[in-house]
Amino acid sequence: MEFGNPTAFYFLALAAVAAAVLVCEIVWSDRAVHRLISHEVFKKTVAGYSRPRKIAKRILLVAVIVLVILAWAMPRMGRGMRIVKREGSDVVIALDISASMYAEDLAPDRMEVSKRGMSSLVSQLVDHRIALVGFAGDAFVHCPLTLDHGALIMFLDFLRPGLVSEEGTDISRAIEESLRALDTSDKGRSIVLVTDGEDHGEGLDEAIAHAKERGVRIFAVGVGTEAGEPIPLKDAEGNVLDYKRDDKGDVVVSRMDPGILRRLARETGGDTYVLTLGGKEISQIVRAITSLEKGVLEERSFESYLDLFQVPLGLAFLLLVIECFVGDRVREDD
């Protein structure tokens, strides 16, 4: 047997103090009475008084205190080791943070709508490890695979256009960096690629081939509209200064390209979604991911115990009830 809260035994000193006080109380009361009247007179005056019963009541009270402290110490018996496994799949959220994500064809802009949607996705993927990759003309792992979804959402809030110095949108780099984030994974791997679909990079065929070789499914999530919207250029306070222009000085209109998204999903066994303000497609993505094969993400060993604090607590209650029915006097016919 062992105790979960051994520090409670320090309070046994209170039981010793209580016992000393009760002994002193009995001795003092007897002496005080006998100083006033003789023993014979006391027996006639207080008929039926029983000193042993009075002592027994005090002993019961001390025993109750000791038993309560014993229950507080949490006695328990070991029942062996228990292994707890947490199963799920590994997901990488690859979020486009190119300048085109500031386009306002979705209110307030594509970037904000994407963050809200991915925050909702993370909160619903409870038993899954999730990583975060930000990409534009290049890509980087912003948060490695983790079960700490609260921390991941904080990293997600930090992502914004301008964090990657290379301009443009290179989807192949996003896929390759996402695959690197999945290096420690072996089952149920998937990439949720959130982008407006415009691809200015090379090597997309090779990146898709690498994903297929490793059995990683890509769920392509489009942000924006096919009609498109100009890309605003903002100052540090968020005020629009101008709109992005090409070499001829014409305003550049950013349009969502669903063709690339459909190809990514089709060739890797994933699916295609379009992010909306309502976010109803998030639940569809969650169902698709949870249907994938699951692996063991976390395994912990715990010692299993049988708690026994109820025993001394029950005895303490029983003794307290008995103490209430024990009087200081005996009946005349006893």
C-alpha atoms as a PDB file:
ATOM      1  CA  MET A   1       0.000   0.000   0.000  1.00  0.00           C
ATOM      2  CA  GLU A   2       1.092   3.566  -0.632  1.00  0.00           C
ATOM      3  CA  PHE A   3      -0.296   7.048  -0.109  1.00  0.00           C
ATOM      4  CA  GLY A   4      -1.103   9.630  -2.764  1.00  0.00           C
ATOM      5  CA  ASN A   5      -0.870  12.552  -0.323  1.00  0.00           C
ATOM      6  CA  PRO A   6       1.666  11.605   2.366  1.00  0.00           C
ATOM      7  CA  THR A   7       2.016  15.225   3.522  1.00  0.00           C
ATOM      8  CA  ALA A   8      -1.355  14.791   5.239  1.00  0.00           C
ATOM      9  CA  PHE A   9       0.397  12.765   7.948  1.00  0.00           C
ATOM     10  CA  TYR A  10       1.975  15.993   9.236  1.00  0.00           C
ATOM     11  CA  PHE A  11      -1.500  16.863  10.515  1.00  0.00           C
ATOM     12  CA  LEU A  12      -1.421  13.889  12.875  1.00  0.00           C
ATOM     13  CA  ALA A  13       0.131  16.399  15.252  1.00  0.00           C
ATOM     14  CA  LEU A  14      -3.345  17.929  15.434  1.00  0.00           C
ATOM     15  CA  ALA A  15      -4.707  14.596  16.648  1.00  0.00           C
ATOM     16  CA  ALA A  16      -2.027  14.496  19.338  1.00  0.00           C
ATOM     17  CA  VAL A  17      -2.866  18.058  20.382  1.00  0.00           C
ATOM     18  CA  ALA A  18      -6.582  17.208  20.431  1.00  0.00           C
ATOM     19  CA  ALA A  19      -5.912  14.131  22.598  1.00  0.00           C
ATOM     20  CA  ALA A  20      -3.825  16.196  25.035  1.00  0.00           C
ATOM     21  CA  VAL A  21      -6.526  18.899  25.244  1.00  0.00           C
ATOM     22  CA  LEU A  22      -9.268  16.325  25.906  1.00  0.00           C
ATOM     23  CA  VAL A  23      -7.205  14.618  28.649  1.00  0.00           C
ATOM     24  CA  CYS A  24      -6.534  17.981  30.279  1.00  0.00           C
ATOM     25  CA  GLU A  25     -10.223  18.832  30.026  1.00  0.00           C
ATOM     26  CA  ILE A  26     -11.250  15.649  31.851  1.00  0.00           C
ATOM     27  CA  VAL A  27      -8.609  16.056  34.564  1.00  0.00           C
ATOM     28  CA  TRP A  28      -9.323  19.773  35.010  1.00  0.00           C
ATOM     29  CA  SER A  29     -13.096  19.324  35.207  1.00  0.00           C
ATOM     30  CA  ASP A  30     -12.791  16.538  37.782  1.00  0.00           C
ATOM     31  CA  ARG A  31     -10.419  18.572  39.948  1.00  0.00           C
ATOM     32  CA  ALA A  32     -12.574  21.659  39.664  1.00  0.00           C
ATOM     33  CA  VAL A  33     -15.657  19.753  40.822  1.00  0.00           C
ATOM     34  CA  HIS A  34     -13.864  17.987  43.708  1.00  0.00           C
ATOM     35  CA  ARG A  35     -12.459  21.267  44.975  1.00  0.00           C
ATOM     36  CA  LEU A  36     -16.005  22.455  45.490  1.00  0.00           C
ATOM     37  CA  ILE A  37     -17.685  19.304  46.758  1.00  0.00           C
ATOM     38  CA  SER A  38     -16.613  15.912  48.047  1.00  0.00           C
ATOM     39  CA  HIS A  39     -16.695  12.792  45.945  1.00  0.00           C
ATOM     40  CA  GLU A  40     -19.626  11.350  47.937  1.00  0.00           C
ATOM     41  CA  VAL A  41     -21.679  14.503  47.531  1.00  0.00           C
ATOM     42  CA  PHE A  42     -20.850  14.641  43.813  1.00  0.00           C
ATOM     43  CA  LYS A  43     -22.099  11.046  43.293  1.00  0.00           C
ATOM     44  CA  LYS A  44     -25.364  11.889  45.028  1.00  0.00           C
ATOM     45  CA  THR A  45     -25.790  15.193  43.189  1.00  0.00           C
ATOM     46  CA  VAL A  46     -24.938  13.949  39.682  1.00  0.00           C
ATOM     47  CA  ALA A  47     -26.621  10.599  39.625  1.00  0.00           C
ATOM     48  CA  GLY A  48     -25.498   8.165  36.988  1.00  0.00           C
ATOM     49  CA  TYR A  49     -22.342  10.075  36.020  1.00  0.00           C
ATOM     50  CA  SER A  50     -19.831   7.736  34.341  1.00  0.00           C
ATOM     51  CA  ARG A  51     -16.244   8.877  33.985  1.00  0.00           C
ATOM     52  CA  PRO A  52     -15.326   5.877  31.746  1.00  0.00           C
ATOM     53  CA  ARG A  53     -18.114   6.869  29.331  1.00  0.00           C
ATOM     54  CA  LYS A  54     -16.799  10.420  29.190  1.00  0.00           C
ATOM     55  CA  ILE A  55     -13.300   9.122  28.446  1.00  0.00           C
ATOM     56  CA  ALA A  56     -14.703   6.787  25.760  1.00  0.00           C
ATOM     57  CA  LYS A  57     -16.437   9.729  24.005  1.00  0.00           C
ATOM     58  CA  ARG A  58     -13.140  11.666  23.912  1.00  0.00           C
ATOM     59  CA  ILE A  59     -11.278   8.635  22.545  1.00  0.00           C
ATOM     60  CA  LEU A  60     -13.878   8.288  19.794  1.00  0.00           C
ATOM     61  CA  LEU A  61     -13.410  11.949  18.800  1.00  0.00           C
ATOM     62  CA  VAL A  62      -9.624  11.536  18.586  1.00  0.00           C
ATOM     63  CA  ALA A  63     -10.071   8.377  16.508  1.00  0.00           C
ATOM     64  CA  VAL A  64     -12.352  10.273  14.107  1.00  0.00           C
ATOM     65  CA  ILE A  65      -9.664  12.930  13.610  1.00  0.00           C
ATOM     66  CA  VAL A  66      -6.996  10.277  12.959  1.00  0.00           C
ATOM     67  CA  LEU A  67      -9.211   8.440  10.437  1.00  0.00           C
ATOM     68  CA  VAL A  68     -10.061  11.665   8.547  1.00  0.00           C
ATOM     69  CA  ILE A  69      -6.360  12.468   8.246  1.00  0.00           C
ATOM     70  CA  LEU A  70      -5.711   8.910   7.059  1.00  0.00           C
ATOM     71  CA  ALA A  71      -8.398   9.313   4.365  1.00  0.00           C
ATOM     72  CA  TRP A  72      -6.857  12.665   3.371  1.00  0.00           C
ATOM     73  CA  ALA A  73      -3.517  10.887   2.865  1.00  0.00           C
ATOM     74  CA  MET A  74      -5.212   8.957  -0.004  1.00  0.00           C
ATOM     75  CA  PRO A  75      -4.277   5.328   0.733  1.00  0.00           C
ATOM     76  CA  ARG A  76      -4.198   3.218  -2.406  1.00  0.00           C
ATOM     77  CA  MET A  77      -3.017  -0.092  -3.785  1.00  0.00           C
ATOM     78  CA  GLY A  78      -1.218  -0.505  -7.091  1.00  0.00           C
ATOM     79  CA  ARG A  79      -2.991  -2.526  -9.786  1.00  0.00           C
ATOM     80  CA  GLY A  80      -0.157  -2.529 -12.338  1.00  0.00           C
ATOM     81  CA  MET A  81       0.711  -0.439 -15.392  1.00  0.00           C
ATOM     82  CA  ARG A  82      -1.954   0.828 -17.794  1.00  0.00           C
ATOM     83  CA  ILE A  83      -1.055   1.883 -21.328  1.00  0.00           C
ATOM     84  CA  VAL A  84      -3.113   4.630 -22.975  1.00  0.00           C
ATOM     85  CA  LYS A  85      -2.845   5.070 -26.730  1.00  0.00           C
ATOM     86  CA  ARG A  86      -4.014   8.095 -28.695  1.00  0.00           C
ATOM     87  CA  GLU A  87      -4.812   7.326 -32.310  1.00  0.00           C
ATOM     88  CA  GLY A  88      -5.344   9.685 -35.215  1.00  0.00           C
ATOM     89  CA  SER A  89      -3.789  10.857 -38.447  1.00  0.00           C
ATOM     90  CA  ASP A  90      -1.247  13.534 -39.351  1.00  0.00           C
ATOM     91  CA  VAL A  91      -2.350  16.663 -41.190  1.00  0.00           C
ATOM     92  CA  VAL A  92      -0.401  19.580 -42.621  1.00  0.00           C
ATOM     93  CA  ILE A  93      -2.208  22.846 -43.240  1.00  0.00           C
ATOM     94  CA  ALA A  94      -0.375  24.637 -46.052  1.00  0.00           C
ATOM     95  CA  LEU A  95      -1.628  28.224 -46.134  1.00  0.00           C
ATOM     96  CA  ASP A  96      -1.007  30.617 -49.008  1.00  0.00           C
ATOM     97  CA  ILE A  97       0.401  33.904 -47.647  1.00  0.00           C
ATOM     98  CA  SER A  98       1.183  35.564 -50.949  1.00  0.00           C
ATOM     99  CA  ALA A  99       0.115  39.168 -51.595  1.00  0.00           C
ATOM    100  CA  SER A 100      -2.899  37.985 -53.602  1.00  0.00           C
ATOM    101  CA  MET A 101      -4.451  36.730 -50.334  1.00  0.00           C
ATOM    102  CA  TYR A 102      -5.181  40.383 -49.503  1.00  0.00           C
ATOM    103  CA  ALA A 103      -7.726  40.471 -52.340  1.00  0.00           C
ATOM    104  CA  GLU A 104     -11.165  41.416 -51.019  1.00  0.00           C
ATOM    105  CA  ASP A 105     -13.497  39.291 -53.137  1.00  0.00           C
ATOM    106  CA  LEU A 106     -14.278  37.585 -49.792  1.00  0.00           C
ATOM    107  CA  ALA A 107     -14.956  39.937 -46.878  1.00  0.00           C
ATOM    108  CA  PRO A 108     -12.869  41.182 -45.225  1.00  0.00           C
ATOM    109  CA  ASP A 109     -10.211  39.524 -47.407  1.00  0.00           C
ATOM    110  CA  ARG A 110      -9.022  36.072 -48.491  1.00  0.00           C
ATOM    111  CA  MET A 111      -6.391  35.897 -45.763  1.00  0.00           C
ATOM    112  CA  GLU A 112      -8.808  36.499 -42.906  1.00  0.00           C
ATOM    113  CA  VAL A 113     -11.403  34.077 -44.273  1.00  0.00           C
ATOM    114  CA  SER A 114      -8.694  31.415 -44.648  1.00  0.00           C
ATOM    115  CA  LYS A 115      -7.494  31.880 -41.059  1.00  0.00           C
ATOM    116  CA  ARG A 116     -11.010  31.611 -39.683  1.00  0.00           C
ATOM    117  CA  GLY A 117     -11.700  28.476 -41.682  1.00  0.00           C
ATOM    118  CA  MET A 118      -8.447  26.787 -40.659  1.00  0.00           C
ATOM    119  CA  SER A 119      -8.951  27.720 -36.992  1.00  0.00           C
ATOM    120  CA  SER A 120     -12.314  25.983 -37.157  1.00  0.00           C
ATOM    121  CA  LEU A 121     -10.710  22.965 -38.834  1.00  0.00           C
ATOM    122  CA  VAL A 122      -8.027  22.684 -36.156  1.00  0.00           C
ATOM    123  CA  SER A 123     -10.577  22.891 -33.334  1.00  0.00           C
ATOM    124  CA  GLN A 124     -12.558  20.005 -34.856  1.00  0.00           C
ATOM    125  CA  LEU A 125      -9.576  17.704 -35.519  1.00  0.00           C
ATOM    126  CA  VAL A 126      -9.211  16.851 -31.839  1.00  0.00           C
ATOM    127  CA  ASP A 127      -7.323  13.550 -32.107  1.00  0.00           C
ATOM    128  CA  HIS A 128      -4.973  14.467 -34.934  1.00  0.00           C
ATOM    129  CA  ARG A 129      -1.465  15.860 -35.081  1.00  0.00           C
ATOM    130  CA  ILE A 130      -1.361  19.013 -37.169  1.00  0.00           C
ATOM    131  CA  ALA A 131       1.502  21.007 -38.677  1.00  0.00           C
ATOM    132  CA  LEU A 132       1.416  24.454 -40.280  1.00  0.00           C
ATOM    133  CA  VAL A 133       3.244  25.527 -43.436  1.00  0.00           C
ATOM    134  CA  GLY A 134       3.181  29.055 -44.829  1.00  0.00           C
ATOM    135  CA  PHE A 135       4.058  29.613 -48.476  1.00  0.00           C
ATOM    136  CA  ALA A 136       4.295  32.215 -51.189  1.00  0.00           C
ATOM    137  CA  GLY A 137       7.244  32.139 -53.647  1.00  0.00           C
ATOM    138  CA  ASP A 138       8.915  29.866 -51.079  1.00  0.00           C
ATOM    139  CA  ALA A 139       7.629  27.806 -48.156  1.00  0.00           C
ATOM    140  CA  PHE A 140       8.573  27.132 -44.539  1.00  0.00           C
ATOM    141  CA  VAL A 141       7.328  24.988 -41.664  1.00  0.00           C
ATOM    142  CA  HIS A 142       5.764  27.485 -39.289  1.00  0.00           C
ATOM    143  CA  CYS A 143       4.763  24.842 -36.713  1.00  0.00           C
ATOM    144  CA  PRO A 144       5.802  21.137 -36.724  1.00  0.00           C
ATOM    145  CA  LEU A 145       3.358  18.303 -36.094  1.00  0.00           C
ATOM    146  CA  THR A 146       1.765  18.796 -32.711  1.00  0.00           C
ATOM    147  CA  LEU A 147      -1.211  17.788 -30.581  1.00  0.00           C
ATOM    148  CA  ASP A 148      -1.142  21.212 -28.914  1.00  0.00           C
ATOM    149  CA  HIS A 149      -3.830  22.790 -31.045  1.00  0.00           C
ATOM    150  CA  GLY A 150      -4.020  25.931 -28.928  1.00  0.00           C
ATOM    151  CA  ALA A 151      -0.387  26.754 -29.734  1.00  0.00           C
ATOM    152  CA  LEU A 152      -0.934  25.934 -33.409  1.00  0.00           C
ATOM    153  CA  ILE A 153      -3.842  28.391 -33.641  1.00  0.00           C
ATOM    154  CA  MET A 154      -1.562  31.066 -32.178  1.00  0.00           C
ATOM    155  CA  PHE A 155       0.970  30.376 -34.942  1.00  0.00           C
ATOM    156  CA  LEU A 156      -1.852  30.469 -37.474  1.00  0.00           C
ATOM    157  CA  ASP A 157      -2.919  33.928 -36.304  1.00  0.00           C
ATOM    158  CA  PHE A 158       0.644  35.153 -36.828  1.00  0.00           C
ATOM    159  CA  LEU A 159       0.758  34.187 -40.518  1.00  0.00           C
ATOM    160  CA  ARG A 160       0.291  37.047 -42.989  1.00  0.00           C
ATOM    161  CA  PRO A 161       1.477  38.135 -46.438  1.00  0.00           C
ATOM    162  CA  GLY A 162       5.007  39.496 -46.356  1.00  0.00           C
ATOM    163  CA  LEU A 163       6.534  36.841 -44.068  1.00  0.00           C
ATOM    164  CA  VAL A 164       8.057  35.134 -47.107  1.00  0.00           C
ATOM    165  CA  SER A 165      10.414  37.420 -49.031  1.00  0.00           C
ATOM    166  CA  GLU A 166       9.929  35.630 -52.365  1.00  0.00           C
ATOM    167  CA  GLU A 167       6.824  36.984 -54.066  1.00  0.00           C
ATOM    168  CA  GLY A 168       4.357  34.901 -56.046  1.00  0.00           C
ATOM    169  CA  THR A 169       2.736  31.541 -55.307  1.00  0.00           C
ATOM    170  CA  ASP A 170       4.759  28.344 -55.650  1.00  0.00           C
ATOM    171  CA  ILE A 171       2.437  25.422 -54.872  1.00  0.00           C
ATOM    172  CA  SER A 172       5.162  22.858 -55.583  1.00  0.00           C
ATOM    173  CA  ARG A 173       7.331  24.318 -52.791  1.00  0.00           C
ATOM    174  CA  ALA A 174       4.301  24.208 -50.469  1.00  0.00           C
ATOM    175  CA  ILE A 175       3.795  20.501 -51.200  1.00  0.00           C
ATOM    176  CA  GLU A 176       7.482  19.637 -50.788  1.00  0.00           C
ATOM    177  CA  GLU A 177       7.719  21.506 -47.468  1.00  0.00           C
ATOM    178  CA  SER A 178       4.524  19.855 -46.259  1.00  0.00           C
ATOM    179  CA  LEU A 179       5.945  16.430 -47.121  1.00  0.00           C
ATOM    180  CA  ARG A 180       9.036  17.313 -45.122  1.00  0.00           C
ATOM    181  CA  ALA A 181       6.791  18.139 -42.148  1.00  0.00           C
ATOM    182  CA  LEU A 182       5.322  14.621 -42.500  1.00  0.00           C
ATOM    183  CA  ASP A 183       8.715  12.877 -42.379  1.00  0.00           C
ATOM    184  CA  THR A 184       7.987  11.375 -38.949  1.00  0.00           C
ATOM    185  CA  SER A 185       4.536  10.158 -39.980  1.00  0.00           C
ATOM    186  CA  ASP A 186       3.609   6.781 -41.461  1.00  0.00           C
ATOM    187  CA  LYS A 187      -0.211   6.523 -41.575  1.00  0.00           C
ATOM    188  CA  GLY A 188      -3.195   8.627 -42.546  1.00  0.00           C
ATOM    189  CA  ARG A 189      -1.132  11.501 -43.927  1.00  0.00           C
ATOM    190  CA  SER A 190      -2.825  14.415 -45.656  1.00  0.00           C
ATOM    191  CA  ILE A 191      -2.235  17.999 -46.731  1.00  0.00           C
ATOM    192  CA  VAL A 192      -4.905  20.690 -46.564  1.00  0.00           C
ATOM    193  CA  LEU A 193      -3.653  23.186 -49.167  1.00  0.00           C
ATOM    194  CA  VAL A 194      -5.381  26.574 -48.880  1.00  0.00           C
ATOM    195  CA  THR A 195      -4.711  28.886 -51.809  1.00  0.00           C
ATOM    196  CA  ASP A 196      -6.317  31.041 -54.486  1.00  0.00           C
ATOM    197  CA  GLY A 197      -4.918  28.572 -57.023  1.00  0.00           C
ATOM    198  CA  GLU A 198      -2.594  30.870 -58.940  1.00  0.00           C
ATOM    199  CA  ASP A 199       0.710  29.043 -59.396  1.00  0.00           C
ATOM    200  CA  HIS A 200       3.816  30.925 -60.516  1.00  0.00           C
ATOM    201  CA  GLY A 201       6.309  28.215 -59.712  1.00  0.00           C
ATOM    202  CA  GLU A 202       7.764  25.152 -61.437  1.00  0.00           C
ATOM    203  CA  GLY A 203       8.070  21.529 -60.448  1.00  0.00           C
ATOM    204  CA  LEU A 204       4.400  20.901 -59.721  1.00  0.00           C
ATOM    205  CA  ASP A 205       4.457  17.540 -61.545  1.00  0.00           C
ATOM    206  CA  GLU A 206       7.398  16.355 -59.468  1.00  0.00           C
ATOM    207  CA  ALA A 207       5.807  17.518 -56.202  1.00  0.00           C
ATOM    208  CA  ILE A 208       2.569  15.684 -57.002  1.00  0.00           C
ATOM    209  CA  ALA A 209       4.569  12.554 -57.823  1.00  0.00           C
ATOM    210  CA  HIS A 210       6.353  12.730 -54.459  1.00  0.00           C
ATOM    211  CA  ALA A 211       3.015  13.046 -52.660  1.00  0.00           C
ATOM    212  CA  LYS A 212       1.620  10.023 -54.521  1.00  0.00           C
ATOM    213  CA  GLU A 213       4.725   7.943 -53.750  1.00  0.00           C
ATOM    214  CA  ARG A 214       4.303   8.583 -50.033  1.00  0.00           C
ATOM    215  CA  GLY A 215       0.550   8.031 -50.062  1.00  0.00           C
ATOM    216  CA  VAL A 216      -0.227  11.591 -48.983  1.00  0.00           C
ATOM    217  CA  ARG A 217      -3.626  12.901 -49.993  1.00  0.00           C
ATOM    218  CA  ILE A 218      -4.073  16.560 -50.842  1.00  0.00           C
ATOM    219  CA  PHE A 219      -7.312  18.300 -49.940  1.00  0.00           C
ATOM    220  CA  ALA A 220      -7.213  21.445 -52.055  1.00  0.00           C
ATOM    221  CA  VAL A 221      -9.160  24.390 -50.643  1.00  0.00           C
ATOM    222  CA  GLY A 222      -9.731  27.320 -52.990  1.00  0.00           C
ATOM    223  CA  VAL A 223     -10.089  30.861 -51.652  1.00  0.00           C
ATOM    224  CA  GLY A 224     -11.550  33.687 -53.710  1.00  0.00           C
ATOM    225  CA  THR A 225     -13.729  33.916 -56.800  1.00  0.00           C
ATOM    226  CA  GLU A 226     -13.130  33.136 -60.448  1.00  0.00           C
ATOM    227  CA  ALA A 227     -14.158  36.712 -61.304  1.00  0.00           C
ATOM    228  CA  GLY A 228     -11.237  37.898 -59.214  1.00  0.00           C
ATOM    229  CA  GLU A 229     -10.340  41.143 -57.464  1.00  0.00           C
ATOM    230  CA  PRO A 230      -7.407  43.600 -57.545  1.00  0.00           C
ATOM    231  CA  ILE A 231      -4.626  43.060 -55.007  1.00  0.00           C
ATOM    232  CA  PRO A 232      -4.500  46.005 -52.575  1.00  0.00           C
ATOM    233  CA  LEU A 233      -1.182  47.410 -51.386  1.00  0.00           C
ATOM    234  CA  LYS A 234      -1.548  48.456 -47.764  1.00  0.00           C
ATOM    235  CA  ASP A 235       0.511  50.441 -45.283  1.00  0.00           C
ATOM    236  CA  ALA A 236       1.400  49.278 -41.771  1.00  0.00           C
ATOM    237  CA  GLU A 237      -1.989  50.427 -40.476  1.00  0.00           C
ATOM    238  CA  GLY A 238      -3.930  48.502 -43.119  1.00  0.00           C
ATOM    239  CA  ASN A 239      -4.885  51.471 -45.279  1.00  0.00           C
ATOM    240  CA  VAL A 240      -5.020  50.799 -49.026  1.00  0.00           C
ATOM    241  CA  LEU A 241      -2.371  52.918 -50.802  1.00  0.00           C
ATOM    242  CA  ASP A 242      -2.758  51.503 -54.288  1.00  0.00           C
ATOM    243  CA  TYR A 243      -3.320  48.246 -56.162  1.00  0.00           C
ATOM    244  CA  LYS A 244      -0.694  45.908 -57.536  1.00  0.00           C
ATOM    245  CA  ARG A 245       0.153  46.654 -61.167  1.00  0.00           C
ATOM    246  CA  ASP A 246       2.005  44.805 -63.922  1.00  0.00           C
ATOM    247  CA  ASP A 247       4.960  46.092 -65.958  1.00  0.00           C
ATOM    248  CA  LYS A 248       2.588  48.079 -68.166  1.00  0.00           C
ATOM    249  CA  GLY A 249       1.017  49.834 -65.183  1.00  0.00           C
ATOM    250  CA  ASP A 250      -2.271  47.975 -65.437  1.00  0.00           C
ATOM    251  CA  VAL A 251      -3.991  46.802 -62.240  1.00  0.00           C
ATOM    252  CA  VAL A 252      -3.456  43.090 -61.649  1.00  0.00           C
ATOM    253  CA  VAL A 253      -6.624  41.097 -61.016  1.00  0.00           C
ATOM    254  CA  SER A 254      -6.161  37.938 -58.924  1.00  0.00           C
ATOM    255  CA  ARG A 255      -8.529  35.111 -59.801  1.00  0.00           C
ATOM    256  CA  MET A 256      -9.002  31.744 -58.160  1.00  0.00           C
ATOM    257  CA  ASP A 257      -7.833  28.964 -60.467  1.00  0.00           C
ATOM    258  CA  PRO A 258      -9.875  25.824 -59.669  1.00  0.00           C
ATOM    259  CA  GLY A 259      -8.142  23.813 -62.408  1.00  0.00           C
ATOM    260  CA  ILE A 260      -4.896  23.385 -60.455  1.00  0.00           C
ATOM    261  CA  LEU A 261      -6.819  22.545 -57.287  1.00  0.00           C
ATOM    262  CA  ARG A 262      -8.842  19.840 -59.002  1.00  0.00           C
ATOM    263  CA  ARG A 263      -5.679  18.330 -60.427  1.00  0.00           C
ATOM    264  CA  LEU A 264      -3.966  18.193 -57.032  1.00  0.00           C
ATOM    265  CA  ALA A 265      -6.933  16.421 -55.498  1.00  0.00           C
ATOM    266  CA  ARG A 266      -7.567  14.068 -58.405  1.00  0.00           C
ATOM    267  CA  GLU A 267      -3.996  12.787 -58.687  1.00  0.00           C
ATOM    268  CA  THR A 268      -3.452  12.255 -54.948  1.00  0.00           C
ATOM    269  CA  GLY A 269      -6.840  10.799 -54.031  1.00  0.00           C
ATOM    270  CA  GLY A 270      -7.991  13.885 -52.158  1.00  0.00           C
ATOM    271  CA  ASP A 271     -10.829  16.279 -52.847  1.00  0.00           C
ATOM    272  CA  THR A 272     -11.490  19.915 -53.767  1.00  0.00           C
ATOM    273  CA  TYR A 273     -13.362  22.520 -51.747  1.00  0.00           C
ATOM    274  CA  VAL A 274     -14.130  26.221 -52.049  1.00  0.00           C
ATOM    275  CA  LEU A 275     -13.910  28.190 -48.836  1.00  0.00           C
ATOM    276  CA  THR A 276     -16.984  30.291 -48.089  1.00  0.00           C
ATOM    277  CA  LEU A 277     -17.891  32.780 -45.390  1.00  0.00           C
ATOM    278  CA  GLY A 278     -20.251  30.249 -43.793  1.00  0.00           C
ATOM    279  CA  GLY A 279     -17.511  27.621 -43.544  1.00  0.00           C
ATOM    280  CA  LYS A 280     -19.851  24.653 -44.152  1.00  0.00           C
ATOM    281  CA  GLU A 281     -17.124  22.946 -46.197  1.00  0.00           C
ATOM    282  CA  ILE A 282     -14.940  22.663 -43.057  1.00  0.00           C
ATOM    283  CA  SER A 283     -17.115  19.854 -41.690  1.00  0.00           C
ATOM    284  CA  GLN A 284     -16.756  18.062 -45.042  1.00  0.00           C
ATOM    285  CA  ILE A 285     -12.967  18.289 -44.800  1.00  0.00           C
ATOM    286  CA  VAL A 286     -13.086  16.988 -41.215  1.00  0.00           C
ATOM    287  CA  ARG A 287     -15.125  13.952 -42.282  1.00  0.00           C
ATOM    288  CA  ALA A 288     -12.691  13.229 -45.127  1.00  0.00           C
ATOM    289  CA  ILE A 289      -9.655  13.400 -42.836  1.00  0.00           C
ATOM    290  CA  THR A 290     -11.195  11.335 -40.030  1.00  0.00           C
ATOM    291  CA  SER A 291     -12.014   8.594 -42.539  1.00  0.00           C
ATOM    292  CA  LEU A 292      -8.301   8.071 -43.275  1.00  0.00           C
ATOM    293  CA  GLU A 293      -6.323   5.234 -41.708  1.00  0.00           C
ATOM    294  CA  LYS A 294      -5.231   6.102 -38.186  1.00  0.00           C
ATOM    295  CA  GLY A 295      -1.942   5.447 -36.479  1.00  0.00           C
ATOM    296  CA  VAL A 296      -0.709   5.705 -32.875  1.00  0.00           C
ATOM    297  CA  LEU A 297       0.180   9.352 -32.285  1.00  0.00           C
ATOM    298  CA  GLU A 298       0.916   9.134 -28.571  1.00  0.00           C
ATOM    299  CA  GLU A 299       1.436   6.314 -26.101  1.00  0.00           C
ATOM    300  CA  ARG A 300       1.677   6.824 -22.362  1.00  0.00           C
ATOM    301  CA  SER A 301       2.057   4.419 -19.446  1.00  0.00           C
ATOM    302  CA  PHE A 302       0.246   5.049 -16.179  1.00  0.00           C
ATOM    303  CA  GLU A 303       0.326   3.127 -12.925  1.00  0.00           C
ATOM    304  CA  SER A 304      -3.231   2.105 -12.095  1.00  0.00           C
ATOM    305  CA  TYR A 305      -4.319   2.385  -8.449  1.00  0.00           C
ATOM    306  CA  LEU A 306      -7.271   1.239  -6.360  1.00  0.00           C
ATOM    307  CA  ASP A 307      -8.200   4.120  -4.034  1.00  0.00           C
ATOM    308  CA  LEU A 308      -8.982   3.106  -0.450  1.00  0.00           C
ATOM    309  CA  PHE A 309      -9.706   6.490   1.163  1.00  0.00           C
ATOM    310  CA  GLN A 310     -13.406   5.502   1.458  1.00  0.00           C
ATOM    311  CA  VAL A 311     -12.548   2.924   4.137  1.00  0.00           C
ATOM    312  CA  PRO A 312     -11.099   5.257   6.830  1.00  0.00           C
ATOM    313  CA  LEU A 313     -13.631   7.949   5.880  1.00  0.00           C
ATOM    314  CA  GLY A 314     -16.495   5.526   6.355  1.00  0.00           C
ATOM    315  CA  LEU A 315     -15.093   4.351   9.706  1.00  0.00           C
ATOM    316  CA  ALA A 316     -14.717   7.971  10.829  1.00  0.00           C
ATOM    317  CA  PHE A 317     -18.376   8.630  10.037  1.00  0.00           C
ATOM    318  CA  LEU A 318     -19.430   5.459  11.878  1.00  0.00           C
ATOM    319  CA  LEU A 319     -17.433   6.404  15.004  1.00  0.00           C
ATOM    320  CA  LEU A 320     -18.889   9.904  14.920  1.00  0.00           C
ATOM    321  CA  VAL A 321     -22.404   8.468  14.902  1.00  0.00           C
ATOM    322  CA  ILE A 322     -21.514   6.132  17.803  1.00  0.00           C
ATOM    323  CA  GLU A 323     -20.053   9.050  19.751  1.00  0.00           C
ATOM    324  CA  CYS A 324     -23.347  10.914  19.429  1.00  0.00           C
ATOM    325  CA  PHE A 325     -25.206   8.047  21.113  1.00  0.00           C
ATOM    326  CA  VAL A 326     -22.720   7.561  23.944  1.00  0.00           C
ATOM    327  CA  GLY A 327     -23.755   9.651  26.976  1.00  0.00           C
ATOM    328  CA  ASP A 328     -21.772  10.741  30.016  1.00  0.00           C
ATOM    329  CA  ARG A 329     -24.204   8.987  32.331  1.00  0.00           C
ATOM    330  CA  VAL A 330     -25.487   5.460  32.874  1.00  0.00           C
ATOM    331  CA  ARG A 331     -29.159   4.662  33.398  1.00  0.00           C
ATOM    332  CA  GLU A 332     -30.318   4.105  36.966  1.00  0.00           C
ATOM    333  CA  ASP A 333     -31.225   0.455  36.216  1.00  0.00           C
ATOM    334  CA  ASP A 334     -27.750  -0.312  34.791  1.00  0.00           C
END
